[in-house]
Amino acid sequence: MEKVAIVGCGSYMDRGYGCPGEWRCLKAAALGEGQITEPSQVTAFVRCECPGRTLVPNVGMAMKLSEIKPDMIYLSTCLANAKPGCPYTEAKDMAKILEDKTGIKVVLGTHDYH
């Protein structure tokens, strides 16, 4: 079973922009739906908090505390496809930074649920 970490948009979760929180991402991971192509174990769920400066250290700390290195990191659908988009960075740029710092492949999006 693949081990995954998920990064969600804290702003979307907190402010009711169509993402009530992590339940859709967790469902996609459990069932292997959407961009998560096989049933997976979620080893970390990290919220990106504006302006995103703490994202990389928080992902690193989540991996350290869980003592499980994920095989893949997913930027949640609410983060990767945000409308309006993040005013601080593009999701693809965030993914590149995470990949460069962790050495783990980052996928944009988790699910296709509406």
C-alpha atoms as a PDB file:
ATOM      1  CA  MET A   1       0.000   0.000   0.000  1.00  0.00           C
ATOM      2  CA  GLU A   2       1.351   3.395  -0.986  1.00  0.00           C
ATOM      3  CA  LYS A   3       1.988   5.885   1.820  1.00  0.00           C
ATOM      4  CA  VAL A   4       0.942   9.443   1.051  1.00  0.00           C
ATOM      5  CA  ALA A   5       1.058  12.878   2.634  1.00  0.00           C
ATOM      6  CA  ILE A   6      -1.613  15.416   1.716  1.00  0.00           C
ATOM      7  CA  VAL A   7      -1.275  19.198   1.828  1.00  0.00           C
ATOM      8  CA  GLY A   8      -4.575  21.075   2.055  1.00  0.00           C
ATOM      9  CA  CYS A   9      -5.365  24.781   1.749  1.00  0.00           C
ATOM     10  CA  GLY A  10      -6.076  26.065   5.246  1.00  0.00           C
ATOM     11  CA  SER A  11      -7.871  29.111   3.876  1.00  0.00           C
ATOM     12  CA  TYR A  12     -10.323  27.019   1.855  1.00  0.00           C
ATOM     13  CA  MET A  13     -10.968  24.721   4.780  1.00  0.00           C
ATOM     14  CA  ASP A  14     -11.512  27.523   7.283  1.00  0.00           C
ATOM     15  CA  ARG A  15     -13.527  29.917   5.173  1.00  0.00           C
ATOM     16  CA  GLY A  16     -16.060  27.638   3.506  1.00  0.00           C
ATOM     17  CA  TYR A  17     -14.952  27.996  -0.103  1.00  0.00           C
ATOM     18  CA  GLY A  18     -16.337  24.601  -1.051  1.00  0.00           C
ATOM     19  CA  CYS A  19     -13.865  22.454   0.904  1.00  0.00           C
ATOM     20  CA  PRO A  20     -15.176  21.440   4.318  1.00  0.00           C
ATOM     21  CA  GLY A  21     -11.827  19.954   5.244  1.00  0.00           C
ATOM     22  CA  GLU A  22      -9.969  16.807   4.572  1.00  0.00           C
ATOM     23  CA  TRP A  23     -12.792  14.260   4.248  1.00  0.00           C
ATOM     24  CA  ARG A  24     -12.805  14.236   0.427  1.00  0.00           C
ATOM     25  CA  CYS A  25      -9.035  13.832   0.246  1.00  0.00           C
ATOM     26  CA  LEU A  26      -9.150  11.046   2.820  1.00  0.00           C
ATOM     27  CA  LYS A  27     -11.945   9.301   0.910  1.00  0.00           C
ATOM     28  CA  ALA A  28      -9.946   9.489  -2.341  1.00  0.00           C
ATOM     29  CA  ALA A  29      -6.895   8.035  -0.568  1.00  0.00           C
ATOM     30  CA  ALA A  30      -8.874   5.227   1.075  1.00  0.00           C
ATOM     31  CA  LEU A  31     -10.593   4.228  -2.165  1.00  0.00           C
ATOM     32  CA  GLY A  32      -7.794   5.035  -4.624  1.00  0.00           C
ATOM     33  CA  GLU A  33      -9.893   7.510  -6.583  1.00  0.00           C
ATOM     34  CA  GLY A  34      -9.073  10.678  -8.499  1.00  0.00           C
ATOM     35  CA  GLN A  35      -5.378  11.435  -8.768  1.00  0.00           C
ATOM     36  CA  ILE A  36      -4.629   8.902  -6.012  1.00  0.00           C
ATOM     37  CA  THR A  37      -4.620   5.837  -8.214  1.00  0.00           C
ATOM     38  CA  GLU A  38      -4.604   3.103  -5.581  1.00  0.00           C
ATOM     39  CA  PRO A  39      -5.898   2.734  -2.017  1.00  0.00           C
ATOM     40  CA  SER A  40      -3.291   4.479   0.124  1.00  0.00           C
ATOM     41  CA  GLN A  41      -2.335   5.048   3.732  1.00  0.00           C
ATOM     42  CA  VAL A  42      -2.336   8.738   4.681  1.00  0.00           C
ATOM     43  CA  THR A  43       0.712   9.280   6.882  1.00  0.00           C
ATOM     44  CA  ALA A  44       0.336  13.061   7.200  1.00  0.00           C
ATOM     45  CA  PHE A  45      -2.223  15.768   6.484  1.00  0.00           C
ATOM     46  CA  VAL A  46      -0.697  19.246   6.568  1.00  0.00           C
ATOM     47  CA  ARG A  47      -2.573  22.512   6.163  1.00  0.00           C
ATOM     48  CA  CYS A  48      -0.867  25.227   4.163  1.00  0.00           C
ATOM     49  CA  GLU A  49      -1.314  28.493   6.035  1.00  0.00           C
ATOM     50  CA  CYS A  50      -0.990  31.862   4.309  1.00  0.00           C
ATOM     51  CA  PRO A  51       1.460  32.986   3.063  1.00  0.00           C
ATOM     52  CA  GLY A  52       2.930  29.460   2.902  1.00  0.00           C
ATOM     53  CA  ARG A  53       6.377  30.134   4.356  1.00  0.00           C
ATOM     54  CA  THR A  54       6.034  27.342   6.917  1.00  0.00           C
ATOM     55  CA  LEU A  55       4.794  24.676   4.511  1.00  0.00           C
ATOM     56  CA  VAL A  56       8.112  22.920   3.862  1.00  0.00           C
ATOM     57  CA  PRO A  57       9.157  22.815   7.550  1.00  0.00           C
ATOM     58  CA  ASN A  58       5.651  21.656   8.540  1.00  0.00           C
ATOM     59  CA  VAL A  59       5.715  18.829   5.978  1.00  0.00           C
ATOM     60  CA  GLY A  60       9.169  17.863   7.260  1.00  0.00           C
ATOM     61  CA  MET A  61       7.966  17.896  10.867  1.00  0.00           C
ATOM     62  CA  ALA A  62       4.894  15.803   9.979  1.00  0.00           C
ATOM     63  CA  MET A  63       7.146  13.183   8.389  1.00  0.00           C
ATOM     64  CA  LYS A  64       9.507  13.246  11.361  1.00  0.00           C
ATOM     65  CA  LEU A  65       6.736  12.921  13.953  1.00  0.00           C
ATOM     66  CA  SER A  66       4.893  10.176  12.066  1.00  0.00           C
ATOM     67  CA  GLU A  67       8.215   8.363  11.537  1.00  0.00           C
ATOM     68  CA  ILE A  68       6.901   7.304   8.116  1.00  0.00           C
ATOM     69  CA  LYS A  69       8.288   8.777   4.909  1.00  0.00           C
ATOM     70  CA  PRO A  70       5.523   9.027   2.313  1.00  0.00           C
ATOM     71  CA  ASP A  71       5.971   7.606  -1.169  1.00  0.00           C
ATOM     72  CA  MET A  72       4.111  10.585  -2.627  1.00  0.00           C
ATOM     73  CA  ILE A  73       2.899  14.032  -1.557  1.00  0.00           C
ATOM     74  CA  TYR A  74      -0.412  15.319  -2.911  1.00  0.00           C
ATOM     75  CA  LEU A  75      -1.471  18.955  -2.992  1.00  0.00           C
ATOM     76  CA  SER A  76      -5.195  18.765  -2.292  1.00  0.00           C
ATOM     77  CA  THR A  77      -7.676  19.594  -5.009  1.00  0.00           C
ATOM     78  CA  CYS A  78      -8.753  22.720  -3.087  1.00  0.00           C
ATOM     79  CA  LEU A  79      -5.147  23.910  -3.073  1.00  0.00           C
ATOM     80  CA  ALA A  80      -4.166  22.851  -6.597  1.00  0.00           C
ATOM     81  CA  ASN A  81      -7.343  24.150  -8.270  1.00  0.00           C
ATOM     82  CA  ALA A  82      -8.279  27.045  -6.004  1.00  0.00           C
ATOM     83  CA  LYS A  83     -10.680  29.633  -7.450  1.00  0.00           C
ATOM     84  CA  PRO A  84      -9.705  32.337  -6.661  1.00  0.00           C
ATOM     85  CA  GLY A  85      -6.121  31.123  -6.702  1.00  0.00           C
ATOM     86  CA  CYS A  86      -3.561  31.561  -3.980  1.00  0.00           C
ATOM     87  CA  PRO A  87      -2.352  35.171  -3.929  1.00  0.00           C
ATOM     88  CA  TYR A  88       1.108  34.090  -2.752  1.00  0.00           C
ATOM     89  CA  THR A  89       2.227  31.294  -5.095  1.00  0.00           C
ATOM     90  CA  GLU A  90       1.179  28.960  -7.871  1.00  0.00           C
ATOM     91  CA  ALA A  91       0.488  25.331  -6.921  1.00  0.00           C
ATOM     92  CA  LYS A  92       3.039  24.092  -9.471  1.00  0.00           C
ATOM     93  CA  ASP A  93       5.711  26.284  -7.860  1.00  0.00           C
ATOM     94  CA  MET A  94       4.781  25.004  -4.412  1.00  0.00           C
ATOM     95  CA  ALA A  95       5.016  21.437  -5.731  1.00  0.00           C
ATOM     96  CA  LYS A  96       8.490  22.100  -7.156  1.00  0.00           C
ATOM     97  CA  ILE A  97       9.742  23.549  -3.865  1.00  0.00           C
ATOM     98  CA  LEU A  98       8.385  20.551  -1.920  1.00  0.00           C
ATOM     99  CA  GLU A  99       9.930  18.085  -4.388  1.00  0.00           C
ATOM    100  CA  ASP A 100      13.297  19.865  -4.263  1.00  0.00           C
ATOM    101  CA  LYS A 101      13.354  19.975  -0.440  1.00  0.00           C
ATOM    102  CA  THR A 102      11.968  16.493   0.295  1.00  0.00           C
ATOM    103  CA  GLY A 103      13.014  14.457  -2.729  1.00  0.00           C
ATOM    104  CA  ILE A 104       9.447  13.101  -2.896  1.00  0.00           C
ATOM    105  CA  LYS A 105       7.245  13.371  -6.002  1.00  0.00           C
ATOM    106  CA  VAL A 106       4.384  15.868  -5.591  1.00  0.00           C
ATOM    107  CA  VAL A 107       1.065  15.447  -7.437  1.00  0.00           C
ATOM    108  CA  LEU A 108      -1.353  18.327  -8.068  1.00  0.00           C
ATOM    109  CA  GLY A 109      -4.833  17.388  -6.863  1.00  0.00           C
ATOM    110  CA  THR A 110      -6.351  14.514  -4.929  1.00  0.00           C
ATOM    111  CA  HIS A 111      -9.917  13.942  -6.116  1.00  0.00           C
ATOM    112  CA  ASP A 112     -12.531  14.860  -8.703  1.00  0.00           C
ATOM    113  CA  TYR A 113     -15.524  15.053  -6.323  1.00  0.00           C
ATOM    114  CA  HIS A 114     -17.782  18.089  -6.596  1.00  0.00           C
END
